[in-house]
Amino acid sequence: MKFILNIILLAILAAALQWLLGYWWLIGLAAFFIGTITGSKSGMRSFFIGFWGIALLWAGVAFYKAFPNEFILAEKMASLLYLKGNAFAILGVTALIGGLVGGFSALSGNSLYKMVVKKRPKYY
């Protein structure tokens, strides 16, 4: 449940930053911030929070932009990338690129959290 809430929080934060300021690279800052404040014990968990949060956001936005024009531009872009004019393949590539940026940014934020926060010694 916490995993899904972190994904939703990241998607909302990244969407708000992109909508307000307009720079695509702000998804990296949003994922870095979420990766830092969640303080997950697992780096893989932080990576997947960042990956799915941004991938779902970008796939949704790409679908929202391509749907009104019947995916004409998406099909032309897909043919340029040798995807045989498959509009949904270009949406997948868009989601993959955004997801990788978000995932590695969240992983970097998690690494910063682990580096700064001191671990208490365990006494048995």
PDB file of N, CA and C in Angstrom:
ATOM      1  N   MET A   1       0.822  -1.192   0.000  1.00  0.00           N
ATOM      2  CA  MET A   1       0.000   0.000   0.000  1.00  0.00           C
ATOM      3  C   MET A   1       0.869   1.260   0.000  1.00  0.00           C
ATOM      4  N   LYS A   2       1.930   1.218   0.808  1.00  0.00           N
ATOM      5  CA  LYS A   2       2.831   2.361   0.874  1.00  0.00           C
ATOM      6  C   LYS A   2       3.544   2.563  -0.469  1.00  0.00           C
ATOM      7  N   PHE A   3       3.832   1.451  -1.128  1.00  0.00           N
ATOM      8  CA  PHE A   3       4.480   1.492  -2.437  1.00  0.00           C
ATOM      9  C   PHE A   3       3.606   2.244  -3.440  1.00  0.00           C
ATOM     10  N   ILE A   4       2.334   1.911  -3.472  1.00  0.00           N
ATOM     11  CA  ILE A   4       1.405   2.546  -4.409  1.00  0.00           C
ATOM     12  C   ILE A   4       1.203   4.017  -4.062  1.00  0.00           C
ATOM     13  N   LEU A   5       1.133   4.326  -2.775  1.00  0.00           N
ATOM     14  CA  LEU A   5       0.987   5.729  -2.369  1.00  0.00           C
ATOM     15  C   LEU A   5       2.202   6.556  -2.769  1.00  0.00           C
ATOM     16  N   ASN A   6       3.389   5.972  -2.658  1.00  0.00           N
ATOM     17  CA  ASN A   6       4.598   6.685  -3.081  1.00  0.00           C
ATOM     18  C   ASN A   6       4.603   6.917  -4.589  1.00  0.00           C
ATOM     19  N   ILE A   7       4.118   5.949  -5.354  1.00  0.00           N
ATOM     20  CA  ILE A   7       4.030   6.112  -6.808  1.00  0.00           C
ATOM     21  C   ILE A   7       3.064   7.244  -7.155  1.00  0.00           C
ATOM     22  N   ILE A   8       1.908   7.251  -6.494  1.00  0.00           N
ATOM     23  CA  ILE A   8       0.913   8.298  -6.754  1.00  0.00           C
ATOM     24  C   ILE A   8       1.449   9.667  -6.344  1.00  0.00           C
ATOM     25  N   LEU A   9       2.112   9.732  -5.193  1.00  0.00           N
ATOM     26  CA  LEU A   9       2.693  10.995  -4.727  1.00  0.00           C
ATOM     27  C   LEU A   9       3.738  11.509  -5.711  1.00  0.00           C
ATOM     28  N   LEU A  10       4.577  10.621  -6.204  1.00  0.00           N
ATOM     29  CA  LEU A  10       5.598  11.017  -7.174  1.00  0.00           C
ATOM     30  C   LEU A  10       4.964  11.512  -8.469  1.00  0.00           C
ATOM     31  N   ALA A  11       3.954  10.809  -8.955  1.00  0.00           N
ATOM     32  CA  ALA A  11       3.302  11.221 -10.202  1.00  0.00           C
ATOM     33  C   ALA A  11       2.643  12.589 -10.048  1.00  0.00           C
ATOM     34  N   ILE A  12       2.012  12.829  -8.915  1.00  0.00           N
ATOM     35  CA  ILE A  12       1.364  14.131  -8.686  1.00  0.00           C
ATOM     36  C   ILE A  12       2.405  15.242  -8.586  1.00  0.00           C
ATOM     37  N   LEU A  13       3.485  14.988  -7.839  1.00  0.00           N
ATOM     38  CA  LEU A  13       4.537  15.993  -7.684  1.00  0.00           C
ATOM     39  C   LEU A  13       5.207  16.300  -9.023  1.00  0.00           C
ATOM     40  N   ALA A  14       5.531  15.267  -9.785  1.00  0.00           N
ATOM     41  CA  ALA A  14       6.185  15.477 -11.080  1.00  0.00           C
ATOM     42  C   ALA A  14       5.260  16.191 -12.062  1.00  0.00           C
ATOM     43  N   ALA A  15       3.982  15.828 -12.062  1.00  0.00           N
ATOM     44  CA  ALA A  15       3.028  16.490 -12.959  1.00  0.00           C
ATOM     45  C   ALA A  15       2.871  17.959 -12.589  1.00  0.00           C
ATOM     46  N   ALA A  16       2.814  18.246 -11.301  1.00  0.00           N
ATOM     47  CA  ALA A  16       2.669  19.637 -10.868  1.00  0.00           C
ATOM     48  C   ALA A  16       3.901  20.457 -11.245  1.00  0.00           C
ATOM     49  N   LEU A  17       5.090  19.895 -11.038  1.00  0.00           N
ATOM     50  CA  LEU A  17       6.309  20.624 -11.391  1.00  0.00           C
ATOM     51  C   LEU A  17       6.406  20.861 -12.893  1.00  0.00           C
ATOM     52  N   GLN A  18       6.069  19.844 -13.682  1.00  0.00           N
ATOM     53  CA  GLN A  18       6.132  20.023 -15.129  1.00  0.00           C
ATOM     54  C   GLN A  18       5.077  20.996 -15.620  1.00  0.00           C
ATOM     55  N   TRP A  19       3.921  20.971 -15.021  1.00  0.00           N
ATOM     56  CA  TRP A  19       2.857  21.868 -15.453  1.00  0.00           C
ATOM     57  C   TRP A  19       3.171  23.311 -15.063  1.00  0.00           C
ATOM     58  N   LEU A  20       3.711  23.510 -13.860  1.00  0.00           N
ATOM     59  CA  LEU A  20       3.986  24.870 -13.394  1.00  0.00           C
ATOM     60  C   LEU A  20       5.220  25.482 -14.052  1.00  0.00           C
ATOM     61  N   LEU A  21       6.287  24.700 -14.177  1.00  0.00           N
ATOM     62  CA  LEU A  21       7.545  25.256 -14.667  1.00  0.00           C
ATOM     63  C   LEU A  21       7.869  24.876 -16.109  1.00  0.00           C
ATOM     64  N   GLY A  22       7.364  23.745 -16.579  1.00  0.00           N
ATOM     65  CA  GLY A  22       7.493  23.394 -17.979  1.00  0.00           C
ATOM     66  C   GLY A  22       8.770  22.703 -18.414  1.00  0.00           C
ATOM     67  N   TYR A  23       9.630  22.323 -17.518  1.00  0.00           N
ATOM     68  CA  TYR A  23      10.869  21.652 -17.897  1.00  0.00           C
ATOM     69  C   TYR A  23      10.723  20.152 -17.685  1.00  0.00           C
ATOM     70  N   TRP A  24      11.155  19.357 -18.673  1.00  0.00           N
ATOM     71  CA  TRP A  24      10.973  17.915 -18.585  1.00  0.00           C
ATOM     72  C   TRP A  24      11.869  17.302 -17.515  1.00  0.00           C
ATOM     73  N   TRP A  25      13.043  17.877 -17.273  1.00  0.00           N
ATOM     74  CA  TRP A  25      14.002  17.274 -16.355  1.00  0.00           C
ATOM     75  C   TRP A  25      13.596  17.418 -14.892  1.00  0.00           C
ATOM     76  N   LEU A  26      12.531  18.129 -14.616  1.00  0.00           N
ATOM     77  CA  LEU A  26      12.054  18.241 -13.236  1.00  0.00           C
ATOM     78  C   LEU A  26      11.511  16.918 -12.704  1.00  0.00           C
ATOM     79  N   ILE A  27      11.238  15.975 -13.605  1.00  0.00           N
ATOM     80  CA  ILE A  27      10.836  14.650 -13.129  1.00  0.00           C
ATOM     81  C   ILE A  27      11.969  14.004 -12.346  1.00  0.00           C
ATOM     82  N   GLY A  28      13.206  14.292 -12.750  1.00  0.00           N
ATOM     83  CA  GLY A  28      14.356  13.762 -12.026  1.00  0.00           C
ATOM     84  C   GLY A  28      14.457  14.331 -10.626  1.00  0.00           C
ATOM     85  N   LEU A  29      14.212  15.621 -10.497  1.00  0.00           N
ATOM     86  CA  LEU A  29      14.245  16.234  -9.167  1.00  0.00           C
ATOM     87  C   LEU A  29      13.115  15.721  -8.283  1.00  0.00           C
ATOM     88  N   ALA A  30      11.937  15.541  -8.866  1.00  0.00           N
ATOM     89  CA  ALA A  30      10.806  15.022  -8.092  1.00  0.00           C
ATOM     90  C   ALA A  30      11.092  13.603  -7.621  1.00  0.00           C
ATOM     91  N   ALA A  31      11.624  12.764  -8.502  1.00  0.00           N
ATOM     92  CA  ALA A  31      11.936  11.384  -8.123  1.00  0.00           C
ATOM     93  C   ALA A  31      13.072  11.336  -7.103  1.00  0.00           C
ATOM     94  N   PHE A  32      14.059  12.215  -7.254  1.00  0.00           N
ATOM     95  CA  PHE A  32      15.153  12.285  -6.284  1.00  0.00           C
ATOM     96  C   PHE A  32      14.613  12.663  -4.906  1.00  0.00           C
ATOM     97  N   PHE A  33      13.716  13.630  -4.874  1.00  0.00           N
ATOM     98  CA  PHE A  33      13.111  14.074  -3.616  1.00  0.00           C
ATOM     99  C   PHE A  33      12.308  12.943  -2.972  1.00  0.00           C
ATOM    100  N   ILE A  34      11.488  12.265  -3.747  1.00  0.00           N
ATOM    101  CA  ILE A  34      10.688  11.164  -3.207  1.00  0.00           C
ATOM    102  C   ILE A  34      11.595  10.023  -2.755  1.00  0.00           C
ATOM    103  N   GLY A  35      12.630   9.731  -3.513  1.00  0.00           N
ATOM    104  CA  GLY A  35      13.577   8.689  -3.113  1.00  0.00           C
ATOM    105  C   GLY A  35      14.309   9.027  -1.833  1.00  0.00           C
ATOM    106  N   THR A  36      14.516  10.311  -1.579  1.00  0.00           N
ATOM    107  CA  THR A  36      15.194  10.735  -0.356  1.00  0.00           C
ATOM    108  C   THR A  36      14.264  10.702   0.844  1.00  0.00           C
ATOM    109  N   ILE A  37      13.054  11.210   0.704  1.00  0.00           N
ATOM    110  CA  ILE A  37      12.183  11.304   1.881  1.00  0.00           C
ATOM    111  C   ILE A  37      11.521   9.983   2.245  1.00  0.00           C
ATOM    112  N   THR A  38      11.392   9.050   1.297  1.00  0.00           N
ATOM    113  CA  THR A  38      10.770   7.778   1.659  1.00  0.00           C
ATOM    114  C   THR A  38      11.707   6.924   2.495  1.00  0.00           C
ATOM    115  N   GLY A  39      12.992   7.029   2.260  1.00  0.00           N
ATOM    116  CA  GLY A  39      13.962   6.305   3.070  1.00  0.00           C
ATOM    117  C   GLY A  39      13.789   4.800   3.033  1.00  0.00           C
ATOM    118  N   SER A  40      13.546   4.261   1.865  1.00  0.00           N
ATOM    119  CA  SER A  40      13.345   2.823   1.717  1.00  0.00           C
ATOM    120  C   SER A  40      14.641   2.077   2.017  1.00  0.00           C
ATOM    121  N   LYS A  41      14.516   0.903   2.612  1.00  0.00           N
ATOM    122  CA  LYS A  41      15.700   0.105   2.915  1.00  0.00           C
ATOM    123  C   LYS A  41      16.290  -0.520   1.659  1.00  0.00           C
ATOM    124  N   SER A  42      15.459  -0.735   0.676  1.00  0.00           N
ATOM    125  CA  SER A  42      15.890  -1.387  -0.551  1.00  0.00           C
ATOM    126  C   SER A  42      16.046  -0.367  -1.674  1.00  0.00           C
ATOM    127  N   GLY A  43      17.188  -0.411  -2.336  1.00  0.00           N
ATOM    128  CA  GLY A  43      17.394   0.463  -3.478  1.00  0.00           C
ATOM    129  C   GLY A  43      16.510   0.075  -4.647  1.00  0.00           C
ATOM    130  N   MET A  44      16.247  -1.222  -4.777  1.00  0.00           N
ATOM    131  CA  MET A  44      15.388  -1.693  -5.860  1.00  0.00           C
ATOM    132  C   MET A  44      13.963  -1.174  -5.695  1.00  0.00           C
ATOM    133  N   ARG A  45      13.506  -1.120  -4.464  1.00  0.00           N
ATOM    134  CA  ARG A  45      12.158  -0.600  -4.201  1.00  0.00           C
ATOM    135  C   ARG A  45      12.079   0.876  -4.595  1.00  0.00           C
ATOM    136  N   SER A  46      13.094   1.649  -4.245  1.00  0.00           N
ATOM    137  CA  SER A  46      13.117   3.064  -4.627  1.00  0.00           C
ATOM    138  C   SER A  46      13.176   3.224  -6.141  1.00  0.00           C
ATOM    139  N   PHE A  47      13.974   2.374  -6.793  1.00  0.00           N
ATOM    140  CA  PHE A  47      14.054   2.441  -8.252  1.00  0.00           C
ATOM    141  C   PHE A  47      12.688   2.204  -8.873  1.00  0.00           C
ATOM    142  N   PHE A  48      11.976   1.189  -8.403  1.00  0.00           N
ATOM    143  CA  PHE A  48      10.678   0.877  -9.000  1.00  0.00           C
ATOM    144  C   PHE A  48       9.615   1.910  -8.662  1.00  0.00           C
ATOM    145  N   ILE A  49       9.722   2.553  -7.510  1.00  0.00           N
ATOM    146  CA  ILE A  49       8.805   3.660  -7.211  1.00  0.00           C
ATOM    147  C   ILE A  49       9.015   4.781  -8.231  1.00  0.00           C
ATOM    148  N   GLY A  50      10.268   5.150  -8.448  1.00  0.00           N
ATOM    149  CA  GLY A  50      10.567   6.199  -9.424  1.00  0.00           C
ATOM    150  C   GLY A  50      10.212   5.792 -10.840  1.00  0.00           C
ATOM    151  N   PHE A  51      10.514   4.538 -11.183  1.00  0.00           N
ATOM    152  CA  PHE A  51      10.237   4.063 -12.540  1.00  0.00           C
ATOM    153  C   PHE A  51       8.748   4.083 -12.838  1.00  0.00           C
ATOM    154  N   TRP A  52       7.953   3.451 -11.990  1.00  0.00           N
ATOM    155  CA  TRP A  52       6.518   3.349 -12.271  1.00  0.00           C
ATOM    156  C   TRP A  52       5.802   4.683 -12.121  1.00  0.00           C
ATOM    157  N   GLY A  53       6.243   5.513 -11.185  1.00  0.00           N
ATOM    158  CA  GLY A  53       5.608   6.817 -11.025  1.00  0.00           C
ATOM    159  C   GLY A  53       5.737   7.681 -12.260  1.00  0.00           C
ATOM    160  N   ILE A  54       6.934   7.752 -12.805  1.00  0.00           N
ATOM    161  CA  ILE A  54       7.167   8.596 -13.978  1.00  0.00           C
ATOM    162  C   ILE A  54       6.695   7.915 -15.260  1.00  0.00           C
ATOM    163  N   ALA A  55       6.881   6.599 -15.371  1.00  0.00           N
ATOM    164  CA  ALA A  55       6.447   5.895 -16.583  1.00  0.00           C
ATOM    165  C   ALA A  55       4.938   5.993 -16.764  1.00  0.00           C
ATOM    166  N   LEU A  56       4.191   5.804 -15.695  1.00  0.00           N
ATOM    167  CA  LEU A  56       2.735   5.912 -15.800  1.00  0.00           C
ATOM    168  C   LEU A  56       2.305   7.345 -16.104  1.00  0.00           C
ATOM    169  N   LEU A  57       2.994   8.302 -15.502  1.00  0.00           N
ATOM    170  CA  LEU A  57       2.678   9.708 -15.776  1.00  0.00           C
ATOM    171  C   LEU A  57       2.920  10.040 -17.246  1.00  0.00           C
ATOM    172  N   TRP A  58       4.088   9.706 -17.756  1.00  0.00           N
ATOM    173  CA  TRP A  58       4.416  10.048 -19.137  1.00  0.00           C
ATOM    174  C   TRP A  58       3.573   9.267 -20.135  1.00  0.00           C
ATOM    175  N   ALA A  59       3.264   8.011 -19.844  1.00  0.00           N
ATOM    176  CA  ALA A  59       2.401   7.246 -20.745  1.00  0.00           C
ATOM    177  C   ALA A  59       1.002   7.858 -20.778  1.00  0.00           C
ATOM    178  N   GLY A  60       0.520   8.273 -19.625  1.00  0.00           N
ATOM    179  CA  GLY A  60      -0.798   8.909 -19.567  1.00  0.00           C
ATOM    180  C   GLY A  60      -0.840  10.226 -20.310  1.00  0.00           C
ATOM    181  N   VAL A  61       0.185  11.031 -20.137  1.00  0.00           N
ATOM    182  CA  VAL A  61       0.232  12.326 -20.832  1.00  0.00           C
ATOM    183  C   VAL A  61       0.381  12.123 -22.341  1.00  0.00           C
ATOM    184  N   ALA A  62       1.214  11.166 -22.747  1.00  0.00           N
ATOM    185  CA  ALA A  62       1.385  10.899 -24.177  1.00  0.00           C
ATOM    186  C   ALA A  62       0.082  10.398 -24.798  1.00  0.00           C
ATOM    187  N   PHE A  63      -0.632   9.543 -24.078  1.00  0.00           N
ATOM    188  CA  PHE A  63      -1.927   9.064 -24.580  1.00  0.00           C
ATOM    189  C   PHE A  63      -2.929  10.209 -24.656  1.00  0.00           C
ATOM    190  N   TYR A  64      -2.925  11.062 -23.638  1.00  0.00           N
ATOM    191  CA  TYR A  64      -3.839  12.207 -23.604  1.00  0.00           C
ATOM    192  C   TYR A  64      -3.582  13.165 -24.767  1.00  0.00           C
ATOM    193  N   LYS A  65      -2.312  13.347 -25.113  1.00  0.00           N
ATOM    194  CA  LYS A  65      -1.972  14.249 -26.221  1.00  0.00           C
ATOM    195  C   LYS A  65      -2.228  13.606 -27.585  1.00  0.00           C
ATOM    196  N   ALA A  66      -2.068  12.275 -27.690  1.00  0.00           N
ATOM    197  CA  ALA A  66      -2.191  11.603 -28.980  1.00  0.00           C
ATOM    198  C   ALA A  66      -3.621  11.201 -29.310  1.00  0.00           C
ATOM    199  N   PHE A  67      -4.454  11.014 -28.319  1.00  0.00           N
ATOM    200  CA  PHE A  67      -5.820  10.533 -28.558  1.00  0.00           C
ATOM    201  C   PHE A  67      -6.675  11.495 -29.381  1.00  0.00           C
ATOM    202  N   PRO A  68      -6.659  12.800 -29.123  1.00  0.00           N
ATOM    203  CA  PRO A  68      -7.546  13.692 -29.892  1.00  0.00           C
ATOM    204  C   PRO A  68      -7.262  13.722 -31.394  1.00  0.00           C
ATOM    205  N   ASN A  69      -6.023  13.488 -31.804  1.00  0.00           N
ATOM    206  CA  ASN A  69      -5.725  13.526 -33.241  1.00  0.00           C
ATOM    207  C   ASN A  69      -5.597  12.125 -33.838  1.00  0.00           C
ATOM    208  N   GLU A  70      -6.189  11.148 -33.175  1.00  0.00           N
ATOM    209  CA  GLU A  70      -6.235   9.761 -33.644  1.00  0.00           C
ATOM    210  C   GLU A  70      -4.843   9.173 -33.863  1.00  0.00           C
ATOM    211  N   PHE A  71      -3.893   9.560 -33.047  1.00  0.00           N
ATOM    212  CA  PHE A  71      -2.534   9.010 -33.021  1.00  0.00           C
ATOM    213  C   PHE A  71      -1.776   9.218 -34.335  1.00  0.00           C
ATOM    214  N   ILE A  72      -2.122  10.257 -35.087  1.00  0.00           N
ATOM    215  CA  ILE A  72      -1.462  10.494 -36.375  1.00  0.00           C
ATOM    216  C   ILE A  72       0.014  10.824 -36.172  1.00  0.00           C
ATOM    217  N   LEU A  73       0.307  11.766 -35.292  1.00  0.00           N
ATOM    218  CA  LEU A  73       1.702  12.141 -35.052  1.00  0.00           C
ATOM    219  C   LEU A  73       2.473  10.999 -34.400  1.00  0.00           C
ATOM    220  N   ALA A  74       1.838  10.273 -33.504  1.00  0.00           N
ATOM    221  CA  ALA A  74       2.509   9.145 -32.855  1.00  0.00           C
ATOM    222  C   ALA A  74       2.868   8.064 -33.874  1.00  0.00           C
ATOM    223  N   GLU A  75       1.999   7.813 -34.836  1.00  0.00           N
ATOM    224  CA  GLU A  75       2.298   6.826 -35.878  1.00  0.00           C
ATOM    225  C   GLU A  75       3.453   7.285 -36.759  1.00  0.00           C
ATOM    226  N   LYS A  76       3.498   8.575 -37.070  1.00  0.00           N
ATOM    227  CA  LYS A  76       4.598   9.090 -37.894  1.00  0.00           C
ATOM    228  C   LYS A  76       5.925   9.037 -37.138  1.00  0.00           C
ATOM    229  N   MET A  77       5.894   9.346 -35.847  1.00  0.00           N
ATOM    230  CA  MET A  77       7.113   9.247 -35.040  1.00  0.00           C
ATOM    231  C   MET A  77       7.555   7.789 -34.905  1.00  0.00           C
ATOM    232  N   ALA A  78       6.605   6.884 -34.791  1.00  0.00           N
ATOM    233  CA  ALA A  78       6.933   5.463 -34.702  1.00  0.00           C
ATOM    234  C   ALA A  78       7.578   4.966 -35.990  1.00  0.00           C
ATOM    235  N   SER A  79       7.122   5.456 -37.132  1.00  0.00           N
ATOM    236  CA  SER A  79       7.737   5.043 -38.397  1.00  0.00           C
ATOM    237  C   SER A  79       9.149   5.612 -38.528  1.00  0.00           C
ATOM    238  N   LEU A  80       9.405   6.774 -37.947  1.00  0.00           N
ATOM    239  CA  LEU A  80      10.768   7.320 -37.954  1.00  0.00           C
ATOM    240  C   LEU A  80      11.718   6.482 -37.107  1.00  0.00           C
ATOM    241  N   LEU A  81      11.202   5.870 -36.057  1.00  0.00           N
ATOM    242  CA  LEU A  81      12.022   5.042 -35.171  1.00  0.00           C
ATOM    243  C   LEU A  81      11.975   3.563 -35.549  1.00  0.00           C
ATOM    244  N   TYR A  82      11.506   3.263 -36.751  1.00  0.00           N
ATOM    245  CA  TYR A  82      11.420   1.889 -37.261  1.00  0.00           C
ATOM    246  C   TYR A  82      10.572   0.987 -36.367  1.00  0.00           C
ATOM    247  N   LEU A  83       9.467   1.522 -35.887  1.00  0.00           N
ATOM    248  CA  LEU A  83       8.528   0.740 -35.085  1.00  0.00           C
ATOM    249  C   LEU A  83       7.299   0.357 -35.905  1.00  0.00           C
ATOM    250  N   LYS A  84       7.414   0.401 -37.220  1.00  0.00           N
ATOM    251  CA  LYS A  84       6.377  -0.008 -38.178  1.00  0.00           C
ATOM    252  C   LYS A  84       5.071   0.754 -37.995  1.00  0.00           C
ATOM    253  N   GLY A  85       5.155   2.001 -37.609  1.00  0.00           N
ATOM    254  CA  GLY A  85       3.969   2.839 -37.483  1.00  0.00           C
ATOM    255  C   GLY A  85       3.064   2.491 -36.324  1.00  0.00           C
ATOM    256  N   ASN A  86       3.557   1.746 -35.363  1.00  0.00           N
ATOM    257  CA  ASN A  86       2.753   1.356 -34.206  1.00  0.00           C
ATOM    258  C   ASN A  86       2.753   2.496 -33.191  1.00  0.00           C
ATOM    259  N   ALA A  87       1.625   3.163 -33.059  1.00  0.00           N
ATOM    260  CA  ALA A  87       1.538   4.329 -32.176  1.00  0.00           C
ATOM    261  C   ALA A  87       1.705   3.939 -30.715  1.00  0.00           C
ATOM    262  N   PHE A  88       1.232   2.767 -30.337  1.00  0.00           N
ATOM    263  CA  PHE A  88       1.342   2.362 -28.937  1.00  0.00           C
ATOM    264  C   PHE A  88       2.771   1.966 -28.575  1.00  0.00           C
ATOM    265  N   ALA A  89       3.561   1.569 -29.567  1.00  0.00           N
ATOM    266  CA  ALA A  89       4.969   1.285 -29.306  1.00  0.00           C
ATOM    267  C   ALA A  89       5.713   2.571 -28.958  1.00  0.00           C
ATOM    268  N   ILE A  90       5.373   3.664 -29.626  1.00  0.00           N
ATOM    269  CA  ILE A  90       6.028   4.936 -29.308  1.00  0.00           C
ATOM    270  C   ILE A  90       5.599   5.432 -27.939  1.00  0.00           C
ATOM    271  N   LEU A  91       4.364   5.134 -27.542  1.00  0.00           N
ATOM    272  CA  LEU A  91       3.937   5.475 -26.184  1.00  0.00           C
ATOM    273  C   LEU A  91       4.717   4.653 -25.162  1.00  0.00           C
ATOM    274  N   GLY A  92       4.987   3.398 -25.492  1.00  0.00           N
ATOM    275  CA  GLY A  92       5.791   2.553 -24.610  1.00  0.00           C
ATOM    276  C   GLY A  92       7.229   3.027 -24.502  1.00  0.00           C
ATOM    277  N   VAL A  93       7.795   3.458 -25.623  1.00  0.00           N
ATOM    278  CA  VAL A  93       9.165   3.994 -25.603  1.00  0.00           C
ATOM    279  C   VAL A  93       9.217   5.270 -24.773  1.00  0.00           C
ATOM    280  N   THR A  94       8.205   6.102 -24.912  1.00  0.00           N
ATOM    281  CA  THR A  94       8.124   7.332 -24.116  1.00  0.00           C
ATOM    282  C   THR A  94       8.071   7.010 -22.628  1.00  0.00           C
ATOM    283  N   ALA A  95       7.238   6.045 -22.271  1.00  0.00           N
ATOM    284  CA  ALA A  95       7.121   5.647 -20.868  1.00  0.00           C
ATOM    285  C   ALA A  95       8.424   5.036 -20.364  1.00  0.00           C
ATOM    286  N   LEU A  96       9.100   4.259 -21.201  1.00  0.00           N
ATOM    287  CA  LEU A  96      10.356   3.625 -20.799  1.00  0.00           C
ATOM    288  C   LEU A  96      11.442   4.660 -20.531  1.00  0.00           C
ATOM    289  N   ILE A  97      11.563   5.638 -21.399  1.00  0.00           N
ATOM    290  CA  ILE A  97      12.585   6.674 -21.208  1.00  0.00           C
ATOM    291  C   ILE A  97      12.310   7.475 -19.937  1.00  0.00           C
ATOM    292  N   GLY A  98      11.076   7.910 -19.766  1.00  0.00           N
ATOM    293  CA  GLY A  98      10.728   8.636 -18.544  1.00  0.00           C
ATOM    294  C   GLY A  98      10.898   7.782 -17.304  1.00  0.00           C
ATOM    295  N   GLY A  99      10.525   6.509 -17.405  1.00  0.00           N
ATOM    296  CA  GLY A  99      10.659   5.605 -16.268  1.00  0.00           C
ATOM    297  C   GLY A  99      12.100   5.390 -15.852  1.00  0.00           C
ATOM    298  N   LEU A 100      12.990   5.267 -16.816  1.00  0.00           N
ATOM    299  CA  LEU A 100      14.409   5.091 -16.480  1.00  0.00           C
ATOM    300  C   LEU A 100      14.982   6.332 -15.804  1.00  0.00           C
ATOM    301  N   VAL A 101      14.611   7.500 -16.301  1.00  0.00           N
ATOM    302  CA  VAL A 101      15.068   8.742 -15.658  1.00  0.00           C
ATOM    303  C   VAL A 101      14.542   8.813 -14.229  1.00  0.00           C
ATOM    304  N   GLY A 102      13.263   8.531 -14.047  1.00  0.00           N
ATOM    305  CA  GLY A 102      12.674   8.565 -12.713  1.00  0.00           C
ATOM    306  C   GLY A 102      13.239   7.506 -11.792  1.00  0.00           C
ATOM    307  N   GLY A 103      13.460   6.316 -12.318  1.00  0.00           N
ATOM    308  CA  GLY A 103      13.987   5.231 -11.498  1.00  0.00           C
ATOM    309  C   GLY A 103      15.393   5.501 -11.000  1.00  0.00           C
ATOM    310  N   PHE A 104      16.265   5.932 -11.897  1.00  0.00           N
ATOM    311  CA  PHE A 104      17.635   6.201 -11.469  1.00  0.00           C
ATOM    312  C   PHE A 104      17.724   7.438 -10.577  1.00  0.00           C
ATOM    313  N   SER A 105      16.836   8.391 -10.770  1.00  0.00           N
ATOM    314  CA  SER A 105      16.817   9.561  -9.885  1.00  0.00           C
ATOM    315  C   SER A 105      16.363   9.177  -8.486  1.00  0.00           C
ATOM    316  N   ALA A 106      15.331   8.339  -8.391  1.00  0.00           N
ATOM    317  CA  ALA A 106      14.867   7.884  -7.078  1.00  0.00           C
ATOM    318  C   ALA A 106      15.925   7.022  -6.399  1.00  0.00           C
ATOM    319  N   LEU A 107      16.635   6.216  -7.175  1.00  0.00           N
ATOM    320  CA  LEU A 107      17.715   5.402  -6.614  1.00  0.00           C
ATOM    321  C   LEU A 107      18.841   6.285  -6.086  1.00  0.00           C
ATOM    322  N   SER A 108      19.143   7.358  -6.791  1.00  0.00           N
ATOM    323  CA  SER A 108      20.160   8.305  -6.313  1.00  0.00           C
ATOM    324  C   SER A 108      19.716   8.992  -5.032  1.00  0.00           C
ATOM    325  N   GLY A 109      18.444   9.360  -4.954  1.00  0.00           N
ATOM    326  CA  GLY A 109      17.921   9.955  -3.727  1.00  0.00           C
ATOM    327  C   GLY A 109      17.971   8.990  -2.564  1.00  0.00           C
ATOM    328  N   ASN A 110      17.678   7.726  -2.818  1.00  0.00           N
ATOM    329  CA  ASN A 110      17.755   6.716  -1.768  1.00  0.00           C
ATOM    330  C   ASN A 110      19.196   6.522  -1.307  1.00  0.00           C
ATOM    331  N   SER A 111      20.135   6.569  -2.238  1.00  0.00           N
ATOM    332  CA  SER A 111      21.546   6.440  -1.870  1.00  0.00           C
ATOM    333  C   SER A 111      22.000   7.613  -1.007  1.00  0.00           C
ATOM    334  N   LEU A 112      21.518   8.815  -1.312  1.00  0.00           N
ATOM    335  CA  LEU A 112      21.834   9.972  -0.482  1.00  0.00           C
ATOM    336  C   LEU A 112      21.268   9.792   0.923  1.00  0.00           C
ATOM    337  N   TYR A 113      20.040   9.300   1.008  1.00  0.00           N
ATOM    338  CA  TYR A 113      19.417   9.055   2.313  1.00  0.00           C
ATOM    339  C   TYR A 113      20.248   8.063   3.127  1.00  0.00           C
ATOM    340  N   LYS A 114      20.682   6.986   2.501  1.00  0.00           N
ATOM    341  CA  LYS A 114      21.472   5.974   3.209  1.00  0.00           C
ATOM    342  C   LYS A 114      22.837   6.517   3.616  1.00  0.00           C
ATOM    343  N   MET A 115      23.376   7.438   2.841  1.00  0.00           N
ATOM    344  CA  MET A 115      24.682   7.989   3.148  1.00  0.00           C
ATOM    345  C   MET A 115      24.611   8.979   4.306  1.00  0.00           C
ATOM    346  N   VAL A 116      23.534   9.745   4.395  1.00  0.00           N
ATOM    347  CA  VAL A 116      23.413  10.799   5.397  1.00  0.00           C
ATOM    348  C   VAL A 116      22.908  10.264   6.731  1.00  0.00           C
ATOM    349  N   VAL A 117      21.907   9.404   6.691  1.00  0.00           N
ATOM    350  CA  VAL A 117      21.306   8.898   7.924  1.00  0.00           C
ATOM    351  C   VAL A 117      22.228   7.859   8.537  1.00  0.00           C
ATOM    352  N   LYS A 118      22.544   8.074   9.807  1.00  0.00           N
ATOM    353  CA  LYS A 118      23.429   7.146  10.498  1.00  0.00           C
ATOM    354  C   LYS A 118      22.626   5.969  11.028  1.00  0.00           C
ATOM    355  N   LYS A 119      23.205   4.809  10.882  1.00  0.00           N
ATOM    356  CA  LYS A 119      22.555   3.615  11.394  1.00  0.00           C
ATOM    357  C   LYS A 119      22.969   3.410  12.843  1.00  0.00           C
ATOM    358  N   ARG A 120      22.008   3.070  13.651  1.00  0.00           N
ATOM    359  CA  ARG A 120      22.314   2.777  15.045  1.00  0.00           C
ATOM    360  C   ARG A 120      22.892   1.372  15.146  1.00  0.00           C
ATOM    361  N   PRO A 121      23.884   1.199  15.994  1.00  0.00           N
ATOM    362  CA  PRO A 121      24.431  -0.157  16.143  1.00  0.00           C
ATOM    363  C   PRO A 121      23.407  -1.074  16.816  1.00  0.00           C
ATOM    364  N   LYS A 122      23.402  -2.294  16.370  1.00  0.00           N
ATOM    365  CA  LYS A 122      22.478  -3.269  16.936  1.00  0.00           C
ATOM    366  C   LYS A 122      23.155  -3.979  18.102  1.00  0.00           C
ATOM    367  N   TYR A 123      22.470  -3.984  19.212  1.00  0.00           N
ATOM    368  CA  TYR A 123      22.961  -4.693  20.385  1.00  0.00           C
ATOM    369  C   TYR A 123      22.130  -5.945  20.563  1.00  0.00           C
ATOM    370  N   TYR A 124      22.794  -7.034  20.808  1.00  0.00           N
ATOM    371  CA  TYR A 124      22.078  -8.300  20.941  1.00  0.00           C
ATOM    372  C   TYR A 124      21.983  -8.737  22.363  1.00  0.00           C
TER     373      TYR A 124
END
